[in-house]
Amino acid sequence: MTGSIADFIRRMQLVLPTRWFADSSPTTQAVLGGAGTAWSWTYGLIQTVRMLARIATSSGIFLDLISADFFATSLPRWPSEGDAGFLARIQNEMLRPRATRAALALALTQLTGRAPVIFEPVRPEDTGGYTLGGVGYGVAGGWGNLSLRHASFVTAWRPLGSGIADVAGYGTGGPLAYGNLSQVAVPVSDSSIFAQAAAVIPVGHTAWMRLEG
């Protein structure tokens, strides 16, 4: 079954009483064509709904609805982002590891393209100690604090801008051209970085964030 109008007309003709509809009159064809058109449109609508109801085959505004349904406002579509890239980010976010230090580092690295610096006051590898860690006499580091068992200090880096291809800047001696913010703006905002960290850290954990770059 193809779902075409001709296919529906043929199927209806098979169940019509041949005693009454032995010939193919224009009136009969017009009535069957009207019904066939309605059924063909309905069939196409059902197929479209089936496709859009599944995340893997969804597209367009339905991807935005899926993102809003699962992640509220924390995973918006980036400016000029296509369906394929947005779908990949949605699927990646759904299956993302969470509630660990490695998960936080991975999430921020994937979002910004730059690995964060994570300091946990109760982690000897971060605070250092005798023959342990990178902190010692004459070496900069952070103080440990056993009262901060559910807290960390995170330095995240803003994404690096890519500029405009084949266009230089003032005083560089290269070619100049008019541009707009959409050509140079990085799609990842500060609020997106904070939201990503909040979505990954464990419940009850406090991550003190600092943005650089």
C-alpha atoms as a PDB file:
ATOM      1  CA  MET A   1       0.000   0.000   0.000  1.00  0.00           C
ATOM      2  CA  THR A   2       1.509   3.309  -1.142  1.00  0.00           C
ATOM      3  CA  GLY A   3      -1.045   5.721   0.279  1.00  0.00           C
ATOM      4  CA  SER A   4      -1.686   7.327  -3.099  1.00  0.00           C
ATOM      5  CA  ILE A   5      -5.165   8.450  -4.219  1.00  0.00           C
ATOM      6  CA  ALA A   6      -5.176   5.841  -6.994  1.00  0.00           C
ATOM      7  CA  ASP A   7      -4.373   3.105  -4.491  1.00  0.00           C
ATOM      8  CA  PHE A   8      -7.306   4.047  -2.251  1.00  0.00           C
ATOM      9  CA  ILE A   9      -9.676   4.243  -5.248  1.00  0.00           C
ATOM     10  CA  ARG A  10      -8.599   0.770  -6.337  1.00  0.00           C
ATOM     11  CA  ARG A  11      -9.149  -0.660  -2.844  1.00  0.00           C
ATOM     12  CA  MET A  12     -12.648   0.877  -2.643  1.00  0.00           C
ATOM     13  CA  GLN A  13     -13.543  -0.477  -6.089  1.00  0.00           C
ATOM     14  CA  LEU A  14     -12.686  -3.974  -4.883  1.00  0.00           C
ATOM     15  CA  VAL A  15     -15.408  -3.865  -2.222  1.00  0.00           C
ATOM     16  CA  LEU A  16     -18.152  -2.178  -4.296  1.00  0.00           C
ATOM     17  CA  PRO A  17     -21.036  -4.470  -5.383  1.00  0.00           C
ATOM     18  CA  THR A  18     -20.317  -5.253  -9.031  1.00  0.00           C
ATOM     19  CA  ARG A  19     -24.026  -5.665  -9.620  1.00  0.00           C
ATOM     20  CA  TRP A  20     -24.572  -1.958  -8.977  1.00  0.00           C
ATOM     21  CA  PHE A  21     -21.245  -0.555 -10.126  1.00  0.00           C
ATOM     22  CA  ALA A  22     -20.352  -2.706 -13.119  1.00  0.00           C
ATOM     23  CA  ASP A  23     -19.258   0.229 -15.265  1.00  0.00           C
ATOM     24  CA  SER A  24     -16.836   3.077 -14.596  1.00  0.00           C
ATOM     25  CA  SER A  25     -19.029   6.144 -14.743  1.00  0.00           C
ATOM     26  CA  PRO A  26     -17.688   9.702 -14.209  1.00  0.00           C
ATOM     27  CA  THR A  27     -19.972  10.104 -11.193  1.00  0.00           C
ATOM     28  CA  THR A  28     -18.663   6.966  -9.541  1.00  0.00           C
ATOM     29  CA  GLN A  29     -15.066   7.987 -10.198  1.00  0.00           C
ATOM     30  CA  ALA A  30     -15.700  11.476  -8.810  1.00  0.00           C
ATOM     31  CA  VAL A  31     -17.188  10.112  -5.578  1.00  0.00           C
ATOM     32  CA  LEU A  32     -14.391   7.565  -5.166  1.00  0.00           C
ATOM     33  CA  GLY A  33     -11.786  10.225  -6.002  1.00  0.00           C
ATOM     34  CA  GLY A  34     -13.105  12.533  -3.273  1.00  0.00           C
ATOM     35  CA  ALA A  35     -13.005   9.786  -0.674  1.00  0.00           C
ATOM     36  CA  GLY A  36      -9.611   8.602  -1.922  1.00  0.00           C
ATOM     37  CA  THR A  37      -8.175  12.114  -1.598  1.00  0.00           C
ATOM     38  CA  ALA A  38      -9.320  12.376   2.022  1.00  0.00           C
ATOM     39  CA  TRP A  39      -7.966   8.937   2.924  1.00  0.00           C
ATOM     40  CA  SER A  40      -4.664   9.587   1.138  1.00  0.00           C
ATOM     41  CA  TRP A  41      -4.196  12.874   3.036  1.00  0.00           C
ATOM     42  CA  THR A  42      -5.027  11.145   6.340  1.00  0.00           C
ATOM     43  CA  TYR A  43      -2.575   8.346   5.592  1.00  0.00           C
ATOM     44  CA  GLY A  44       0.167  10.852   4.834  1.00  0.00           C
ATOM     45  CA  LEU A  45      -0.597  12.755   8.049  1.00  0.00           C
ATOM     46  CA  ILE A  46      -0.333   9.561  10.117  1.00  0.00           C
ATOM     47  CA  GLN A  47       3.042   8.731   8.555  1.00  0.00           C
ATOM     48  CA  THR A  48       4.297  12.242   9.276  1.00  0.00           C
ATOM     49  CA  VAL A  49       3.129  12.056  12.895  1.00  0.00           C
ATOM     50  CA  ARG A  50       4.850   8.690  13.327  1.00  0.00           C
ATOM     51  CA  MET A  51       8.099  10.165  12.027  1.00  0.00           C
ATOM     52  CA  LEU A  52       7.952  13.343  14.120  1.00  0.00           C
ATOM     53  CA  ALA A  53       6.890  11.499  17.283  1.00  0.00           C
ATOM     54  CA  ARG A  54      10.249   9.690  17.384  1.00  0.00           C
ATOM     55  CA  ILE A  55      13.279  11.693  18.415  1.00  0.00           C
ATOM     56  CA  ALA A  56      15.596   9.935  15.958  1.00  0.00           C
ATOM     57  CA  THR A  57      13.439  10.866  12.937  1.00  0.00           C
ATOM     58  CA  SER A  58      12.017  14.194  14.098  1.00  0.00           C
ATOM     59  CA  SER A  59      12.837  17.509  12.438  1.00  0.00           C
ATOM     60  CA  GLY A  60      12.023  21.201  12.298  1.00  0.00           C
ATOM     61  CA  ILE A  61      10.076  22.858  15.084  1.00  0.00           C
ATOM     62  CA  PHE A  62       9.333  19.449  16.601  1.00  0.00           C
ATOM     63  CA  LEU A  63      13.001  19.154  17.627  1.00  0.00           C
ATOM     64  CA  ASP A  64      12.642  22.455  19.474  1.00  0.00           C
ATOM     65  CA  LEU A  65       9.536  21.092  21.225  1.00  0.00           C
ATOM     66  CA  ILE A  66      11.402  17.914  22.206  1.00  0.00           C
ATOM     67  CA  SER A  67      14.281  19.967  23.602  1.00  0.00           C
ATOM     68  CA  ALA A  68      11.890  22.148  25.592  1.00  0.00           C
ATOM     69  CA  ASP A  69      10.014  19.091  26.862  1.00  0.00           C
ATOM     70  CA  PHE A  70      13.121  17.318  28.178  1.00  0.00           C
ATOM     71  CA  PHE A  71      15.447  20.194  29.048  1.00  0.00           C
ATOM     72  CA  ALA A  72      13.207  23.290  29.422  1.00  0.00           C
ATOM     73  CA  THR A  73      15.335  26.279  28.379  1.00  0.00           C
ATOM     74  CA  SER A  74      18.767  24.762  29.053  1.00  0.00           C
ATOM     75  CA  LEU A  75      19.259  23.339  25.533  1.00  0.00           C
ATOM     76  CA  PRO A  76      18.054  25.850  22.929  1.00  0.00           C
ATOM     77  CA  ARG A  77      18.800  25.636  19.234  1.00  0.00           C
ATOM     78  CA  TRP A  78      21.850  27.713  18.326  1.00  0.00           C
ATOM     79  CA  PRO A  79      21.513  30.484  15.730  1.00  0.00           C
ATOM     80  CA  SER A  80      21.512  29.030  12.192  1.00  0.00           C
ATOM     81  CA  GLU A  81      21.883  25.488  13.605  1.00  0.00           C
ATOM     82  CA  GLY A  82      20.491  22.773  11.349  1.00  0.00           C
ATOM     83  CA  ASP A  83      18.324  19.833  12.368  1.00  0.00           C
ATOM     84  CA  ALA A  84      21.159  17.287  12.187  1.00  0.00           C
ATOM     85  CA  GLY A  85      23.410  19.184  14.605  1.00  0.00           C
ATOM     86  CA  PHE A  86      20.566  20.013  16.984  1.00  0.00           C
ATOM     87  CA  LEU A  87      19.356  16.390  16.992  1.00  0.00           C
ATOM     88  CA  ALA A  88      22.871  15.163  17.784  1.00  0.00           C
ATOM     89  CA  ARG A  89      23.103  17.553  20.754  1.00  0.00           C
ATOM     90  CA  ILE A  90      19.701  16.433  22.080  1.00  0.00           C
ATOM     91  CA  GLN A  91      20.613  12.744  21.863  1.00  0.00           C
ATOM     92  CA  ASN A  92      24.021  13.381  23.405  1.00  0.00           C
ATOM     93  CA  GLU A  93      22.467  15.280  26.315  1.00  0.00           C
ATOM     94  CA  MET A  94      19.953  12.507  27.002  1.00  0.00           C
ATOM     95  CA  LEU A  95      22.667   9.856  27.275  1.00  0.00           C
ATOM     96  CA  ARG A  96      25.214  12.044  29.015  1.00  0.00           C
ATOM     97  CA  PRO A  97      27.090  10.681  32.082  1.00  0.00           C
ATOM     98  CA  ARG A  98      26.190  12.622  35.224  1.00  0.00           C
ATOM     99  CA  ALA A  99      26.982  13.078  38.914  1.00  0.00           C
ATOM    100  CA  THR A 100      30.758  12.576  38.678  1.00  0.00           C
ATOM    101  CA  ARG A 101      33.796  14.812  38.307  1.00  0.00           C
ATOM    102  CA  ALA A 102      34.579  13.216  34.941  1.00  0.00           C
ATOM    103  CA  ALA A 103      31.014  13.841  33.771  1.00  0.00           C
ATOM    104  CA  LEU A 104      31.266  17.554  34.650  1.00  0.00           C
ATOM    105  CA  ALA A 105      34.588  17.888  32.862  1.00  0.00           C
ATOM    106  CA  LEU A 106      33.242  16.090  29.782  1.00  0.00           C
ATOM    107  CA  ALA A 107      30.061  18.175  29.646  1.00  0.00           C
ATOM    108  CA  LEU A 108      31.865  21.512  29.828  1.00  0.00           C
ATOM    109  CA  THR A 109      34.541  20.409  27.369  1.00  0.00           C
ATOM    110  CA  GLN A 110      31.952  19.326  24.820  1.00  0.00           C
ATOM    111  CA  LEU A 111      30.022  22.567  25.266  1.00  0.00           C
ATOM    112  CA  THR A 112      32.894  25.038  25.122  1.00  0.00           C
ATOM    113  CA  GLY A 113      35.638  23.101  23.388  1.00  0.00           C
ATOM    114  CA  ARG A 114      37.957  23.803  26.336  1.00  0.00           C
ATOM    115  CA  ALA A 115      38.591  21.597  29.361  1.00  0.00           C
ATOM    116  CA  PRO A 116      37.629  23.164  32.725  1.00  0.00           C
ATOM    117  CA  VAL A 117      39.749  23.282  35.864  1.00  0.00           C
ATOM    118  CA  ILE A 118      38.006  21.524  38.749  1.00  0.00           C
ATOM    119  CA  PHE A 119      39.185  21.875  42.348  1.00  0.00           C
ATOM    120  CA  GLU A 120      37.662  19.806  45.161  1.00  0.00           C
ATOM    121  CA  PRO A 121      38.760  20.847  48.676  1.00  0.00           C
ATOM    122  CA  VAL A 122      38.451  17.286  50.001  1.00  0.00           C
ATOM    123  CA  ARG A 123      40.360  15.622  47.166  1.00  0.00           C
ATOM    124  CA  PRO A 124      44.029  15.026  48.012  1.00  0.00           C
ATOM    125  CA  GLU A 125      44.969  14.962  44.323  1.00  0.00           C
ATOM    126  CA  ASP A 126      43.783  18.581  44.120  1.00  0.00           C
ATOM    127  CA  THR A 127      45.011  19.943  47.449  1.00  0.00           C
ATOM    128  CA  GLY A 128      48.254  18.028  47.542  1.00  0.00           C
ATOM    129  CA  GLY A 129      50.064  16.368  50.389  1.00  0.00           C
ATOM    130  CA  TYR A 130      53.260  14.546  51.177  1.00  0.00           C
ATOM    131  CA  THR A 131      54.350  12.817  47.947  1.00  0.00           C
ATOM    132  CA  LEU A 132      50.886  13.392  46.522  1.00  0.00           C
ATOM    133  CA  GLY A 133      49.400  15.922  44.151  1.00  0.00           C
ATOM    134  CA  GLY A 134      50.978  18.984  42.551  1.00  0.00           C
ATOM    135  CA  VAL A 135      50.900  21.324  45.539  1.00  0.00           C
ATOM    136  CA  GLY A 136      53.845  21.837  47.829  1.00  0.00           C
ATOM    137  CA  TYR A 137      56.368  24.389  49.120  1.00  0.00           C
ATOM    138  CA  GLY A 138      56.861  27.036  46.464  1.00  0.00           C
ATOM    139  CA  VAL A 139      54.120  25.622  44.258  1.00  0.00           C
ATOM    140  CA  ALA A 140      50.817  27.452  43.828  1.00  0.00           C
ATOM    141  CA  GLY A 141      47.687  25.547  44.710  1.00  0.00           C
ATOM    142  CA  GLY A 142      44.561  25.487  46.854  1.00  0.00           C
ATOM    143  CA  TRP A 143      43.945  24.735  50.491  1.00  0.00           C
ATOM    144  CA  GLY A 144      41.955  21.663  51.399  1.00  0.00           C
ATOM    145  CA  ASN A 145      38.930  21.874  53.670  1.00  0.00           C
ATOM    146  CA  LEU A 146      37.171  18.790  54.998  1.00  0.00           C
ATOM    147  CA  SER A 147      34.050  20.808  55.802  1.00  0.00           C
ATOM    148  CA  LEU A 148      33.433  21.332  52.071  1.00  0.00           C
ATOM    149  CA  ARG A 149      32.668  17.720  51.292  1.00  0.00           C
ATOM    150  CA  HIS A 150      29.940  18.500  48.792  1.00  0.00           C
ATOM    151  CA  ALA A 151      31.435  21.464  46.979  1.00  0.00           C
ATOM    152  CA  SER A 152      33.869  22.178  44.190  1.00  0.00           C
ATOM    153  CA  PHE A 153      35.407  25.214  42.516  1.00  0.00           C
ATOM    154  CA  VAL A 154      35.202  25.141  38.734  1.00  0.00           C
ATOM    155  CA  THR A 155      36.953  27.420  36.260  1.00  0.00           C
ATOM    156  CA  ALA A 156      35.245  27.121  32.883  1.00  0.00           C
ATOM    157  CA  TRP A 157      36.454  28.730  29.690  1.00  0.00           C
ATOM    158  CA  ARG A 158      34.260  30.511  27.179  1.00  0.00           C
ATOM    159  CA  PRO A 159      34.465  29.133  23.623  1.00  0.00           C
ATOM    160  CA  LEU A 160      36.985  30.722  21.332  1.00  0.00           C
ATOM    161  CA  GLY A 161      35.453  32.803  18.536  1.00  0.00           C
ATOM    162  CA  SER A 162      36.141  31.677  14.998  1.00  0.00           C
ATOM    163  CA  GLY A 163      35.926  35.105  13.332  1.00  0.00           C
ATOM    164  CA  ILE A 164      34.861  35.550   9.715  1.00  0.00           C
ATOM    165  CA  ALA A 165      36.547  33.451   7.059  1.00  0.00           C
ATOM    166  CA  ASP A 166      38.892  35.351   4.667  1.00  0.00           C
ATOM    167  CA  VAL A 167      38.378  38.644   6.545  1.00  0.00           C
ATOM    168  CA  ALA A 168      41.052  40.297   8.676  1.00  0.00           C
ATOM    169  CA  GLY A 169      40.822  43.119  11.207  1.00  0.00           C
ATOM    170  CA  TYR A 170      41.836  46.764  11.348  1.00  0.00           C
ATOM    171  CA  GLY A 171      45.559  47.290  11.230  1.00  0.00           C
ATOM    172  CA  THR A 172      46.344  43.733  10.131  1.00  0.00           C
ATOM    173  CA  GLY A 173      46.913  44.538   6.494  1.00  0.00           C
ATOM    174  CA  GLY A 174      44.421  41.897   5.418  1.00  0.00           C
ATOM    175  CA  PRO A 175      41.122  42.265   3.537  1.00  0.00           C
ATOM    176  CA  LEU A 176      38.253  44.055   5.292  1.00  0.00           C
ATOM    177  CA  ALA A 177      34.508  43.549   4.939  1.00  0.00           C
ATOM    178  CA  TYR A 178      31.291  44.481   6.686  1.00  0.00           C
ATOM    179  CA  GLY A 179      30.059  41.857   9.123  1.00  0.00           C
ATOM    180  CA  ASN A 180      27.330  41.322  11.676  1.00  0.00           C
ATOM    181  CA  LEU A 181      27.164  39.765  15.127  1.00  0.00           C
ATOM    182  CA  SER A 182      25.760  36.472  13.805  1.00  0.00           C
ATOM    183  CA  GLN A 183      29.036  35.927  11.933  1.00  0.00           C
ATOM    184  CA  VAL A 184      31.312  36.369  14.924  1.00  0.00           C
ATOM    185  CA  ALA A 185      29.180  35.675  18.002  1.00  0.00           C
ATOM    186  CA  VAL A 186      29.832  32.426  19.825  1.00  0.00           C
ATOM    187  CA  PRO A 187      26.524  30.543  20.209  1.00  0.00           C
ATOM    188  CA  VAL A 188      27.362  29.342  23.739  1.00  0.00           C
ATOM    189  CA  SER A 189      26.314  31.951  26.292  1.00  0.00           C
ATOM    190  CA  ASP A 190      27.456  32.231  29.905  1.00  0.00           C
ATOM    191  CA  SER A 191      24.020  31.105  31.064  1.00  0.00           C
ATOM    192  CA  SER A 192      24.334  27.978  28.898  1.00  0.00           C
ATOM    193  CA  ILE A 193      27.616  27.089  30.620  1.00  0.00           C
ATOM    194  CA  PHE A 194      26.089  27.536  34.074  1.00  0.00           C
ATOM    195  CA  ALA A 195      23.024  25.509  33.064  1.00  0.00           C
ATOM    196  CA  GLN A 196      25.166  22.694  31.705  1.00  0.00           C
ATOM    197  CA  ALA A 197      27.123  22.427  34.940  1.00  0.00           C
ATOM    198  CA  ALA A 198      23.927  22.483  37.014  1.00  0.00           C
ATOM    199  CA  ALA A 199      22.454  19.693  34.891  1.00  0.00           C
ATOM    200  CA  VAL A 200      25.442  17.388  35.488  1.00  0.00           C
ATOM    201  CA  ILE A 201      26.541  17.831  39.100  1.00  0.00           C
ATOM    202  CA  PRO A 202      24.999  15.561  41.776  1.00  0.00           C
ATOM    203  CA  VAL A 203      21.980  16.651  43.794  1.00  0.00           C
ATOM    204  CA  GLY A 204      23.132  18.486  46.908  1.00  0.00           C
ATOM    205  CA  HIS A 205      26.507  19.392  45.425  1.00  0.00           C
ATOM    206  CA  THR A 206      27.566  23.029  45.069  1.00  0.00           C
ATOM    207  CA  ALA A 207      29.827  24.044  42.187  1.00  0.00           C
ATOM    208  CA  TRP A 208      31.281  27.523  42.546  1.00  0.00           C
ATOM    209  CA  MET A 209      31.731  28.637  38.940  1.00  0.00           C
ATOM    210  CA  ARG A 210      34.153  31.120  37.438  1.00  0.00           C
ATOM    211  CA  LEU A 211      34.193  31.923  33.700  1.00  0.00           C
ATOM    212  CA  GLU A 212      37.340  32.951  31.907  1.00  0.00           C
ATOM    213  CA  GLY A 213      38.299  33.768  28.332  1.00  0.00           C
END
